Amino acid sequence: MSNLTVAVLAPPDYSKDLGKKGTASDITSYNLKKGDATVTFIEPTRYPEKLSSLFYAVSLSDRIVLVVNEINAAFGECVLMLQCADKSSGYLILKNYISPDQIAPLIKGTVLEHYEVLEEDMVGLREKMLEISVRQTAHMKAHEAAAKGAVPVDAHFNVKGVGVVVLGSVAQGMIKKHDTLKVLPTTKTAQIRSIQKHDEDADTAITGDRVGLALKNIESEDLDRGFVLTNDPTIRFSTTVTGKAQLVKYWPAALKEGMVLYAGHWMQFLPTRLEKTVVDGDWRMPTLTLTMEKELIYPPGARIVLHYLEGGKLRVVGSLILE
């Protein structure tokens, strides 16, 4: 079974004509299945009120569908988020007589410059995403099978007769039934009792698969959203990280030490204090050291999206590539 995760940045419930509604929280999933191909459409339910809702939807996705009803602050913020998250595969659906020429100057030099403009055709969009799902999974199976897996936790709960169940997406590599995984950032481990993908049992899951994992040797209260289940020894966790930043072109001034930012990675959106900033030339490309109360969990060379929630309209700061 193959899966493609698509972030749909659109008016609420836009995806109800794309798939069957699934889990709903600050992000809502809609599931589409045809034969062995599946697509998970994810909407940022609490956006624009909660910027973290937009980040989570974008972070989880392989593809983006951005529906442009009007050119406003939310459109601009979505462009900045997609640029900082480096989401280069996507589609634009333009409504209310907005033309490609109108938005071309606004997305020039960003990842969206190469997004394909689609007509609003729900049947056609479903078929297109299913076709990409099949193609992508063939590629993933060839390249991901040997790699160790990592699953950031989206939700966790107890199911009577089953035990602890975790919902999430495989961020990288492969996991298998009966694997024993570390539960980072804790010292605990958990064994996979079973894997479900779109309500069907599976023996394995690879990058991009949306999974429900029944676990042994762990309690629900031992888990939290953003924790990572992994057998990959290279995955790190720390309360202090350093990396090279790239600030968005609209950011008005150099970042100051002591600022409180929010670091987004996988299913984490953590408050962090800017401990140290080093500028060598361009102030929009500083080297930053961040400290947090909770550990940030990440693979080597991870891309972090930086947010600032105290500054009014401009809330996406830039990206940070960790050392």
C-alpha atoms as a PDB file:
ATOM      1  CA  MET A   1       0.000   0.000   0.000  1.00  0.00           C
ATOM      2  CA  SER A   2       1.303   3.428  -0.936  1.00  0.00           C
ATOM      3  CA  ASN A   3       0.609   6.785   0.694  1.00  0.00           C
ATOM      4  CA  LEU A   4       1.018  10.440  -0.203  1.00  0.00           C
ATOM      5  CA  THR A   5       0.458  13.192   2.373  1.00  0.00           C
ATOM      6  CA  VAL A   6      -0.848  16.458   0.952  1.00  0.00           C
ATOM      7  CA  ALA A   7      -1.235  19.707   2.916  1.00  0.00           C
ATOM      8  CA  VAL A   8      -4.322  21.563   1.708  1.00  0.00           C
ATOM      9  CA  LEU A   9      -4.022  25.259   2.562  1.00  0.00           C
ATOM     10  CA  ALA A  10      -7.535  26.433   1.831  1.00  0.00           C
ATOM     11  CA  PRO A  11     -10.807  27.511   3.463  1.00  0.00           C
ATOM     12  CA  PRO A  12     -11.995  25.148   6.259  1.00  0.00           C
ATOM     13  CA  ASP A  13     -13.359  21.753   5.144  1.00  0.00           C
ATOM     14  CA  TYR A  14     -12.169  22.274   1.573  1.00  0.00           C
ATOM     15  CA  SER A  15     -10.899  18.680   1.610  1.00  0.00           C
ATOM     16  CA  LYS A  16     -14.288  17.161   2.443  1.00  0.00           C
ATOM     17  CA  ASP A  17     -14.730  16.526  -1.302  1.00  0.00           C
ATOM     18  CA  LEU A  18     -11.277  14.953  -1.547  1.00  0.00           C
ATOM     19  CA  GLY A  19     -11.448  12.238   1.108  1.00  0.00           C
ATOM     20  CA  LYS A  20     -13.205  10.800   4.136  1.00  0.00           C
ATOM     21  CA  LYS A  21     -12.737  12.848   7.286  1.00  0.00           C
ATOM     22  CA  GLY A  22     -10.377  11.242   9.796  1.00  0.00           C
ATOM     23  CA  THR A  23      -8.760  12.489  12.989  1.00  0.00           C
ATOM     24  CA  ALA A  24      -9.364  16.143  13.871  1.00  0.00           C
ATOM     25  CA  SER A  25      -7.474  18.382  16.273  1.00  0.00           C
ATOM     26  CA  ASP A  26      -5.516  21.498  15.330  1.00  0.00           C
ATOM     27  CA  ILE A  27      -4.943  19.620  12.080  1.00  0.00           C
ATOM     28  CA  THR A  28      -7.605  17.548  10.332  1.00  0.00           C
ATOM     29  CA  SER A  29      -6.992  14.608   8.018  1.00  0.00           C
ATOM     30  CA  TYR A  30      -9.106  13.415   5.092  1.00  0.00           C
ATOM     31  CA  ASN A  31      -8.328   9.956   3.734  1.00  0.00           C
ATOM     32  CA  LEU A  32      -8.595   8.744   0.159  1.00  0.00           C
ATOM     33  CA  LYS A  33      -8.027   5.135  -0.913  1.00  0.00           C
ATOM     34  CA  LYS A  34      -8.197   3.442  -4.295  1.00  0.00           C
ATOM     35  CA  GLY A  35      -6.787  -0.063  -4.629  1.00  0.00           C
ATOM     36  CA  ASP A  36      -3.390  -0.040  -2.953  1.00  0.00           C
ATOM     37  CA  ALA A  37      -2.918   3.722  -3.343  1.00  0.00           C
ATOM     38  CA  THR A  38      -3.820   6.067  -0.485  1.00  0.00           C
ATOM     39  CA  VAL A  39      -3.659   9.816   0.017  1.00  0.00           C
ATOM     40  CA  THR A  40      -3.905  11.711   3.301  1.00  0.00           C
ATOM     41  CA  PHE A  41      -5.025  15.321   2.888  1.00  0.00           C
ATOM     42  CA  ILE A  42      -4.208  17.477   5.915  1.00  0.00           C
ATOM     43  CA  GLU A  43      -5.768  20.853   6.713  1.00  0.00           C
ATOM     44  CA  PRO A  44      -4.462  23.334   9.329  1.00  0.00           C
ATOM     45  CA  THR A  45      -7.765  23.581  11.208  1.00  0.00           C
ATOM     46  CA  ARG A  46      -6.723  26.246  13.728  1.00  0.00           C
ATOM     47  CA  TYR A  47      -4.882  28.504  11.274  1.00  0.00           C
ATOM     48  CA  PRO A  48      -4.596  31.524  11.111  1.00  0.00           C
ATOM     49  CA  GLU A  49      -5.288  31.772  14.849  1.00  0.00           C
ATOM     50  CA  LYS A  50      -2.541  29.230  15.637  1.00  0.00           C
ATOM     51  CA  LEU A  51       0.558  29.405  13.463  1.00  0.00           C
ATOM     52  CA  SER A  52       1.617  25.990  14.795  1.00  0.00           C
ATOM     53  CA  SER A  53      -1.406  24.474  13.016  1.00  0.00           C
ATOM     54  CA  LEU A  54      -0.057  25.675   9.664  1.00  0.00           C
ATOM     55  CA  PHE A  55       3.449  24.482  10.508  1.00  0.00           C
ATOM     56  CA  TYR A  56       2.311  20.962  11.449  1.00  0.00           C
ATOM     57  CA  ALA A  57       0.263  20.538   8.259  1.00  0.00           C
ATOM     58  CA  VAL A  58       3.159  21.724   6.102  1.00  0.00           C
ATOM     59  CA  SER A  59       5.753  19.729   8.052  1.00  0.00           C
ATOM     60  CA  LEU A  60       3.881  16.438   7.561  1.00  0.00           C
ATOM     61  CA  SER A  61       3.350  16.867   3.830  1.00  0.00           C
ATOM     62  CA  ASP A  62       4.972  15.496   0.680  1.00  0.00           C
ATOM     63  CA  ARG A  63       2.962  17.826  -1.572  1.00  0.00           C
ATOM     64  CA  ILE A  64       1.144  21.147  -1.136  1.00  0.00           C
ATOM     65  CA  VAL A  65      -2.159  22.365  -2.555  1.00  0.00           C
ATOM     66  CA  LEU A  66      -2.512  26.122  -1.963  1.00  0.00           C
ATOM     67  CA  VAL A  67      -5.939  27.537  -2.782  1.00  0.00           C
ATOM     68  CA  VAL A  68      -5.757  31.296  -3.354  1.00  0.00           C
ATOM     69  CA  ASN A  69      -9.118  32.991  -2.736  1.00  0.00           C
ATOM     70  CA  GLU A  70      -7.614  36.401  -2.189  1.00  0.00           C
ATOM     71  CA  ILE A  71      -4.200  37.998  -1.937  1.00  0.00           C
ATOM     72  CA  ASN A  72      -4.001  38.832   1.763  1.00  0.00           C
ATOM     73  CA  ALA A  73      -1.797  38.429   4.840  1.00  0.00           C
ATOM     74  CA  ALA A  74      -2.604  34.718   5.195  1.00  0.00           C
ATOM     75  CA  PHE A  75      -1.528  34.089   1.586  1.00  0.00           C
ATOM     76  CA  GLY A  76       1.758  35.895   2.262  1.00  0.00           C
ATOM     77  CA  GLU A  77       2.329  33.939   5.473  1.00  0.00           C
ATOM     78  CA  CYS A  78       1.706  30.631   3.679  1.00  0.00           C
ATOM     79  CA  VAL A  79       4.263  31.607   1.018  1.00  0.00           C
ATOM     80  CA  LEU A  80       6.861  32.343   3.715  1.00  0.00           C
ATOM     81  CA  MET A  81       6.117  29.109   5.608  1.00  0.00           C
ATOM     82  CA  LEU A  82       6.418  26.981   2.464  1.00  0.00           C
ATOM     83  CA  GLN A  83       9.661  28.718   1.511  1.00  0.00           C
ATOM     84  CA  CYS A  84      11.215  28.250   4.962  1.00  0.00           C
ATOM     85  CA  ALA A  85      10.088  24.604   5.108  1.00  0.00           C
ATOM     86  CA  ASP A  86      11.526  24.093   1.586  1.00  0.00           C
ATOM     87  CA  LYS A  87       8.319  22.538   0.223  1.00  0.00           C
ATOM     88  CA  SER A  88       9.154  22.620  -3.475  1.00  0.00           C
ATOM     89  CA  SER A  89       6.460  20.217  -4.791  1.00  0.00           C
ATOM     90  CA  GLY A  90       3.024  21.761  -4.976  1.00  0.00           C
ATOM     91  CA  TYR A  91       0.035  23.146  -6.827  1.00  0.00           C
ATOM     92  CA  LEU A  92      -1.856  26.427  -6.939  1.00  0.00           C
ATOM     93  CA  ILE A  93      -5.617  26.674  -7.381  1.00  0.00           C
ATOM     94  CA  LEU A  94      -6.572  30.277  -8.170  1.00  0.00           C
ATOM     95  CA  LYS A  95     -10.121  31.487  -7.468  1.00  0.00           C
ATOM     96  CA  ASN A  96     -12.133  34.710  -7.660  1.00  0.00           C
ATOM     97  CA  TYR A  97     -10.586  35.624 -11.008  1.00  0.00           C
ATOM     98  CA  ILE A  98      -7.051  35.801  -9.596  1.00  0.00           C
ATOM     99  CA  SER A  99      -4.629  35.226 -12.462  1.00  0.00           C
ATOM    100  CA  PRO A 100      -1.142  33.686 -12.474  1.00  0.00           C
ATOM    101  CA  ASP A 101       0.218  37.074 -13.554  1.00  0.00           C
ATOM    102  CA  GLN A 102      -1.149  38.686 -10.377  1.00  0.00           C
ATOM    103  CA  ILE A 103       0.653  36.335  -8.011  1.00  0.00           C
ATOM    104  CA  ALA A 104       3.822  35.855 -10.098  1.00  0.00           C
ATOM    105  CA  PRO A 105       5.675  38.832  -8.523  1.00  0.00           C
ATOM    106  CA  LEU A 106       4.655  37.671  -5.027  1.00  0.00           C
ATOM    107  CA  ILE A 107       6.119  34.176  -5.396  1.00  0.00           C
ATOM    108  CA  LYS A 108       9.122  35.044  -7.566  1.00  0.00           C
ATOM    109  CA  GLY A 109      12.308  33.602  -6.093  1.00  0.00           C
ATOM    110  CA  THR A 110      10.415  31.209  -3.794  1.00  0.00           C
ATOM    111  CA  VAL A 111       9.675  27.475  -3.986  1.00  0.00           C
ATOM    112  CA  LEU A 112       6.155  28.371  -5.174  1.00  0.00           C
ATOM    113  CA  GLU A 113       7.526  29.816  -8.398  1.00  0.00           C
ATOM    114  CA  HIS A 114       7.560  26.272  -9.801  1.00  0.00           C
ATOM    115  CA  TYR A 115       4.175  25.128  -8.447  1.00  0.00           C
ATOM    116  CA  GLU A 116       1.779  23.906 -11.130  1.00  0.00           C
ATOM    117  CA  VAL A 117      -1.410  25.952 -11.560  1.00  0.00           C
ATOM    118  CA  LEU A 118      -4.464  23.652 -11.577  1.00  0.00           C
ATOM    119  CA  GLU A 119      -8.117  24.190 -12.385  1.00  0.00           C
ATOM    120  CA  GLU A 120     -10.487  23.542  -9.481  1.00  0.00           C
ATOM    121  CA  ASP A 121     -11.507  19.972 -10.316  1.00  0.00           C
ATOM    122  CA  MET A 122     -11.871  17.752  -7.241  1.00  0.00           C
ATOM    123  CA  VAL A 123     -12.171  14.504  -9.201  1.00  0.00           C
ATOM    124  CA  GLY A 124      -9.096  15.373 -11.263  1.00  0.00           C
ATOM    125  CA  LEU A 125      -7.154  16.378  -8.147  1.00  0.00           C
ATOM    126  CA  ARG A 126      -7.977  13.103  -6.394  1.00  0.00           C
ATOM    127  CA  GLU A 127      -6.842  11.064  -9.401  1.00  0.00           C
ATOM    128  CA  LYS A 128      -3.655  13.102  -9.776  1.00  0.00           C
ATOM    129  CA  MET A 129      -2.691  12.608  -6.122  1.00  0.00           C
ATOM    130  CA  LEU A 130      -3.435   8.854  -6.262  1.00  0.00           C
ATOM    131  CA  GLU A 131      -1.210   8.531  -9.326  1.00  0.00           C
ATOM    132  CA  ILE A 132       1.644  10.399  -7.595  1.00  0.00           C
ATOM    133  CA  SER A 133       1.184   8.185  -4.529  1.00  0.00           C
ATOM    134  CA  VAL A 134       1.811   5.045  -6.585  1.00  0.00           C
ATOM    135  CA  ARG A 135       4.867   6.524  -8.331  1.00  0.00           C
ATOM    136  CA  GLN A 136       6.371   7.909  -5.134  1.00  0.00           C
ATOM    137  CA  THR A 137       6.013   4.658  -3.221  1.00  0.00           C
ATOM    138  CA  ALA A 138       7.789   2.681  -5.919  1.00  0.00           C
ATOM    139  CA  HIS A 139      10.691   5.112  -5.557  1.00  0.00           C
ATOM    140  CA  MET A 140      10.582   5.010  -1.731  1.00  0.00           C
ATOM    141  CA  LYS A 141      10.582   1.217  -1.586  1.00  0.00           C
ATOM    142  CA  ALA A 142      13.752   1.168  -3.642  1.00  0.00           C
ATOM    143  CA  HIS A 143      15.534   3.760  -1.478  1.00  0.00           C
ATOM    144  CA  GLU A 144      14.099   3.648   2.044  1.00  0.00           C
ATOM    145  CA  ALA A 145      13.934  -0.058   2.874  1.00  0.00           C
ATOM    146  CA  ALA A 146      17.467  -0.253   4.242  1.00  0.00           C
ATOM    147  CA  ALA A 147      17.226   2.947   6.293  1.00  0.00           C
ATOM    148  CA  LYS A 148      16.349   3.060   9.969  1.00  0.00           C
ATOM    149  CA  GLY A 149      12.957   4.611  10.691  1.00  0.00           C
ATOM    150  CA  ALA A 150      11.663   7.594  12.669  1.00  0.00           C
ATOM    151  CA  VAL A 151       8.023   8.326  13.556  1.00  0.00           C
ATOM    152  CA  PRO A 152       7.195  11.664  15.228  1.00  0.00           C
ATOM    153  CA  VAL A 153       4.150  11.268  17.492  1.00  0.00           C
ATOM    154  CA  ASP A 154       1.062  13.253  16.463  1.00  0.00           C
ATOM    155  CA  ALA A 155      -1.450  11.728  18.927  1.00  0.00           C
ATOM    156  CA  HIS A 156      -1.489   8.914  21.504  1.00  0.00           C
ATOM    157  CA  PHE A 157      -4.229   7.195  23.517  1.00  0.00           C
ATOM    158  CA  ASN A 158      -5.316   3.920  25.086  1.00  0.00           C
ATOM    159  CA  VAL A 159      -7.618   1.554  23.183  1.00  0.00           C
ATOM    160  CA  LYS A 160      -9.457  -1.075  25.191  1.00  0.00           C
ATOM    161  CA  GLY A 161      -8.202  -4.546  24.333  1.00  0.00           C
ATOM    162  CA  VAL A 162      -5.305  -3.132  22.283  1.00  0.00           C
ATOM    163  CA  GLY A 163      -3.311  -0.929  24.628  1.00  0.00           C
ATOM    164  CA  VAL A 164      -1.352   2.177  23.703  1.00  0.00           C
ATOM    165  CA  VAL A 165      -1.871   3.460  20.148  1.00  0.00           C
ATOM    166  CA  VAL A 166       0.206   6.186  18.512  1.00  0.00           C
ATOM    167  CA  LEU A 167      -0.785   8.105  15.374  1.00  0.00           C
ATOM    168  CA  GLY A 168       1.908   9.676  13.223  1.00  0.00           C
ATOM    169  CA  SER A 169       3.722   9.685   9.912  1.00  0.00           C
ATOM    170  CA  VAL A 170       6.995   7.974   9.093  1.00  0.00           C
ATOM    171  CA  ALA A 171       9.393  10.909   8.690  1.00  0.00           C
ATOM    172  CA  GLN A 172      12.231   8.821   7.269  1.00  0.00           C
ATOM    173  CA  GLY A 173      13.316   5.243   6.685  1.00  0.00           C
ATOM    174  CA  MET A 174      11.347   2.085   7.467  1.00  0.00           C
ATOM    175  CA  ILE A 175       9.768   0.539  10.562  1.00  0.00           C
ATOM    176  CA  LYS A 176       8.612  -3.071  10.900  1.00  0.00           C
ATOM    177  CA  LYS A 177       6.152  -4.969  13.046  1.00  0.00           C
ATOM    178  CA  HIS A 178       7.873  -6.209  16.245  1.00  0.00           C
ATOM    179  CA  ASP A 179      10.653  -3.576  15.978  1.00  0.00           C
ATOM    180  CA  THR A 180      11.824  -2.222  19.328  1.00  0.00           C
ATOM    181  CA  LEU A 181      12.065   1.566  19.111  1.00  0.00           C
ATOM    182  CA  LYS A 182      13.571   4.213  21.340  1.00  0.00           C
ATOM    183  CA  VAL A 183      11.044   6.741  22.649  1.00  0.00           C
ATOM    184  CA  LEU A 184      13.015   9.986  22.390  1.00  0.00           C
ATOM    185  CA  PRO A 185      13.751  12.150  24.297  1.00  0.00           C
ATOM    186  CA  THR A 186      13.138   9.624  27.120  1.00  0.00           C
ATOM    187  CA  THR A 187      15.234   6.589  27.984  1.00  0.00           C
ATOM    188  CA  LYS A 188      12.271   4.260  27.428  1.00  0.00           C
ATOM    189  CA  THR A 189      11.722   1.821  24.560  1.00  0.00           C
ATOM    190  CA  ALA A 190       8.552   0.390  23.039  1.00  0.00           C
ATOM    191  CA  GLN A 191       7.868  -2.580  20.795  1.00  0.00           C
ATOM    192  CA  ILE A 192       5.532  -2.337  17.803  1.00  0.00           C
ATOM    193  CA  ARG A 193       2.718  -4.807  18.384  1.00  0.00           C
ATOM    194  CA  SER A 194       1.004  -3.970  15.092  1.00  0.00           C
ATOM    195  CA  ILE A 195       0.980  -1.387  12.273  1.00  0.00           C
ATOM    196  CA  GLN A 196      -2.140  -0.053  10.588  1.00  0.00           C
ATOM    197  CA  LYS A 197      -2.223   2.083   7.465  1.00  0.00           C
ATOM    198  CA  HIS A 198      -5.639   3.453   6.497  1.00  0.00           C
ATOM    199  CA  ASP A 199      -7.315   0.889   8.789  1.00  0.00           C
ATOM    200  CA  GLU A 200      -5.513  -2.082   7.210  1.00  0.00           C
ATOM    201  CA  ASP A 201      -2.857  -4.192   8.949  1.00  0.00           C
ATOM    202  CA  ALA A 202       0.663  -3.969   7.553  1.00  0.00           C
ATOM    203  CA  ASP A 203       4.030  -5.535   8.336  1.00  0.00           C
ATOM    204  CA  THR A 204       6.110  -2.470   7.407  1.00  0.00           C
ATOM    205  CA  ALA A 205       5.798   1.284   6.887  1.00  0.00           C
ATOM    206  CA  ILE A 206       8.124   3.614   4.990  1.00  0.00           C
ATOM    207  CA  THR A 207       8.709   7.352   4.603  1.00  0.00           C
ATOM    208  CA  GLY A 208       5.432   9.180   4.033  1.00  0.00           C
ATOM    209  CA  ASP A 209       3.149   6.468   5.405  1.00  0.00           C
ATOM    210  CA  ARG A 210       0.476   7.662   7.842  1.00  0.00           C
ATOM    211  CA  VAL A 211       0.384   5.005  10.560  1.00  0.00           C
ATOM    212  CA  GLY A 212      -1.380   3.856  13.674  1.00  0.00           C
ATOM    213  CA  LEU A 213       1.013   1.881  15.852  1.00  0.00           C
ATOM    214  CA  ALA A 214      -0.094  -0.386  18.701  1.00  0.00           C
ATOM    215  CA  LEU A 215       2.770  -0.452  21.195  1.00  0.00           C
ATOM    216  CA  LYS A 216       3.957  -2.726  24.004  1.00  0.00           C
ATOM    217  CA  ASN A 217       6.057  -1.843  27.059  1.00  0.00           C
ATOM    218  CA  ILE A 218       4.977   1.811  27.181  1.00  0.00           C
ATOM    219  CA  GLU A 219       2.113   3.753  28.769  1.00  0.00           C
ATOM    220  CA  SER A 220       0.189   6.578  27.110  1.00  0.00           C
ATOM    221  CA  GLU A 221       1.198   8.958  29.893  1.00  0.00           C
ATOM    222  CA  ASP A 222       4.857   8.301  28.997  1.00  0.00           C
ATOM    223  CA  LEU A 223       4.286   9.883  25.586  1.00  0.00           C
ATOM    224  CA  ASP A 224       3.746  13.400  24.280  1.00  0.00           C
ATOM    225  CA  ARG A 225       3.129  14.975  20.911  1.00  0.00           C
ATOM    226  CA  GLY A 226       6.466  15.610  19.219  1.00  0.00           C
ATOM    227  CA  PHE A 227       8.199  12.601  20.829  1.00  0.00           C
ATOM    228  CA  VAL A 228       9.940  10.412  18.231  1.00  0.00           C
ATOM    229  CA  LEU A 229       9.832   6.610  17.979  1.00  0.00           C
ATOM    230  CA  THR A 230      12.997   5.474  16.248  1.00  0.00           C
ATOM    231  CA  ASN A 231      15.597   2.745  15.751  1.00  0.00           C
ATOM    232  CA  ASP A 232      17.959   5.226  14.039  1.00  0.00           C
ATOM    233  CA  PRO A 233      21.039   5.834  16.226  1.00  0.00           C
ATOM    234  CA  THR A 234      21.817   9.124  14.438  1.00  0.00           C
ATOM    235  CA  ILE A 235      18.666  10.874  15.732  1.00  0.00           C
ATOM    236  CA  ARG A 236      19.708  13.429  18.345  1.00  0.00           C
ATOM    237  CA  PHE A 237      17.956  15.392  21.052  1.00  0.00           C
ATOM    238  CA  SER A 238      19.207  18.434  22.925  1.00  0.00           C
ATOM    239  CA  THR A 239      18.075  21.581  24.733  1.00  0.00           C
ATOM    240  CA  THR A 240      20.791  23.578  22.925  1.00  0.00           C
ATOM    241  CA  VAL A 241      21.247  23.670  19.144  1.00  0.00           C
ATOM    242  CA  THR A 242      23.351  25.743  16.763  1.00  0.00           C
ATOM    243  CA  GLY A 243      22.975  26.320  13.054  1.00  0.00           C
ATOM    244  CA  LYS A 244      23.116  28.672  10.095  1.00  0.00           C
ATOM    245  CA  ALA A 245      19.954  30.715   9.630  1.00  0.00           C
ATOM    246  CA  GLN A 246      18.362  32.298   6.578  1.00  0.00           C
ATOM    247  CA  LEU A 247      15.896  35.035   7.523  1.00  0.00           C
ATOM    248  CA  VAL A 248      12.953  35.893   5.263  1.00  0.00           C
ATOM    249  CA  LYS A 249      13.564  38.939   3.085  1.00  0.00           C
ATOM    250  CA  TYR A 250      10.814  40.907   4.839  1.00  0.00           C
ATOM    251  CA  TRP A 251      12.366  40.538   8.305  1.00  0.00           C
ATOM    252  CA  PRO A 252      13.118  44.131   9.346  1.00  0.00           C
ATOM    253  CA  ALA A 253      16.255  43.887  11.504  1.00  0.00           C
ATOM    254  CA  ALA A 254      18.939  41.593  12.882  1.00  0.00           C
ATOM    255  CA  LEU A 255      17.805  39.116  15.528  1.00  0.00           C
ATOM    256  CA  LYS A 256      18.721  40.075  19.091  1.00  0.00           C
ATOM    257  CA  GLU A 257      20.064  37.763  21.772  1.00  0.00           C
ATOM    258  CA  GLY A 258      17.381  37.053  24.386  1.00  0.00           C
ATOM    259  CA  MET A 259      14.500  36.984  21.872  1.00  0.00           C
ATOM    260  CA  VAL A 260      11.926  34.209  22.336  1.00  0.00           C
ATOM    261  CA  LEU A 261      11.334  32.340  19.068  1.00  0.00           C
ATOM    262  CA  TYR A 262       9.481  29.116  18.308  1.00  0.00           C
ATOM    263  CA  ALA A 263      11.371  26.273  16.643  1.00  0.00           C
ATOM    264  CA  GLY A 264       9.346  23.971  14.397  1.00  0.00           C
ATOM    265  CA  HIS A 265      10.608  20.527  13.408  1.00  0.00           C
ATOM    266  CA  TRP A 266       8.523  17.426  12.593  1.00  0.00           C
ATOM    267  CA  MET A 267       5.721  17.500  15.219  1.00  0.00           C
ATOM    268  CA  GLN A 268       7.513  19.877  17.583  1.00  0.00           C
ATOM    269  CA  PHE A 269       6.805  23.600  17.988  1.00  0.00           C
ATOM    270  CA  LEU A 270       8.952  24.631  20.934  1.00  0.00           C
ATOM    271  CA  PRO A 271       9.577  27.989  22.599  1.00  0.00           C
ATOM    272  CA  THR A 272      13.288  28.749  22.435  1.00  0.00           C
ATOM    273  CA  ARG A 273      15.512  31.581  23.602  1.00  0.00           C
ATOM    274  CA  LEU A 274      18.078  33.058  21.228  1.00  0.00           C
ATOM    275  CA  GLU A 275      21.205  32.517  23.314  1.00  0.00           C
ATOM    276  CA  LYS A 276      23.826  33.696  20.841  1.00  0.00           C
ATOM    277  CA  THR A 277      23.899  35.266  17.402  1.00  0.00           C
ATOM    278  CA  VAL A 278      27.006  35.617  15.246  1.00  0.00           C
ATOM    279  CA  VAL A 279      26.882  37.736  12.088  1.00  0.00           C
ATOM    280  CA  ASP A 280      29.672  37.302   9.566  1.00  0.00           C
ATOM    281  CA  GLY A 281      28.680  39.582   6.710  1.00  0.00           C
ATOM    282  CA  ASP A 282      24.960  39.416   5.856  1.00  0.00           C
ATOM    283  CA  TRP A 283      22.788  39.891   8.992  1.00  0.00           C
ATOM    284  CA  ARG A 284      20.060  37.838   7.314  1.00  0.00           C
ATOM    285  CA  MET A 285      22.364  34.777   7.452  1.00  0.00           C
ATOM    286  CA  PRO A 286      23.516  34.642  11.079  1.00  0.00           C
ATOM    287  CA  THR A 287      24.765  31.642  13.026  1.00  0.00           C
ATOM    288  CA  LEU A 288      22.327  31.122  15.905  1.00  0.00           C
ATOM    289  CA  THR A 289      22.496  29.191  19.163  1.00  0.00           C
ATOM    290  CA  LEU A 290      19.082  28.375  20.662  1.00  0.00           C
ATOM    291  CA  THR A 291      18.228  27.028  24.113  1.00  0.00           C
ATOM    292  CA  MET A 292      14.978  25.309  25.107  1.00  0.00           C
ATOM    293  CA  GLU A 293      13.379  23.892  28.235  1.00  0.00           C
ATOM    294  CA  LYS A 294      12.324  20.753  26.327  1.00  0.00           C
ATOM    295  CA  GLU A 295      14.661  18.752  24.106  1.00  0.00           C
ATOM    296  CA  LEU A 296      14.458  19.277  20.367  1.00  0.00           C
ATOM    297  CA  ILE A 297      14.604  15.907  18.541  1.00  0.00           C
ATOM    298  CA  TYR A 298      16.215  15.954  15.092  1.00  0.00           C
ATOM    299  CA  PRO A 299      18.442  14.111  12.587  1.00  0.00           C
ATOM    300  CA  PRO A 300      21.834  15.547  11.555  1.00  0.00           C
ATOM    301  CA  GLY A 301      21.493  18.556   9.241  1.00  0.00           C
ATOM    302  CA  ALA A 302      17.813  19.074  10.082  1.00  0.00           C
ATOM    303  CA  ARG A 303      15.938  22.133   8.814  1.00  0.00           C
ATOM    304  CA  ILE A 304      14.144  24.091  11.547  1.00  0.00           C
ATOM    305  CA  VAL A 305      11.500  26.734  10.812  1.00  0.00           C
ATOM    306  CA  LEU A 306      11.744  29.750  13.119  1.00  0.00           C
ATOM    307  CA  HIS A 307       8.627  31.671  14.203  1.00  0.00           C
ATOM    308  CA  TYR A 308       8.051  34.825  16.257  1.00  0.00           C
ATOM    309  CA  LEU A 309       4.617  35.090  17.856  1.00  0.00           C
ATOM    310  CA  GLU A 310       4.964  38.444  19.610  1.00  0.00           C
ATOM    311  CA  GLY A 311       5.483  40.682  16.611  1.00  0.00           C
ATOM    312  CA  GLY A 312       2.119  41.261  14.984  1.00  0.00           C
ATOM    313  CA  LYS A 313       1.657  40.351  11.340  1.00  0.00           C
ATOM    314  CA  LEU A 314       5.082  38.957  10.428  1.00  0.00           C
ATOM    315  CA  ARG A 315       5.297  35.652  12.300  1.00  0.00           C
ATOM    316  CA  VAL A 316       7.573  33.508  10.079  1.00  0.00           C
ATOM    317  CA  VAL A 317      11.194  34.462  10.742  1.00  0.00           C
ATOM    318  CA  GLY A 318      13.226  32.088   8.592  1.00  0.00           C
ATOM    319  CA  SER A 319      14.903  28.697   8.614  1.00  0.00           C
ATOM    320  CA  LEU A 320      17.845  27.192  10.453  1.00  0.00           C
ATOM    321  CA  ILE A 321      20.024  24.299   9.257  1.00  0.00           C
ATOM    322  CA  LEU A 322      21.380  22.548  12.333  1.00  0.00           C
ATOM    323  CA  GLU A 323      24.999  21.549  12.660  1.00  0.00           C
END
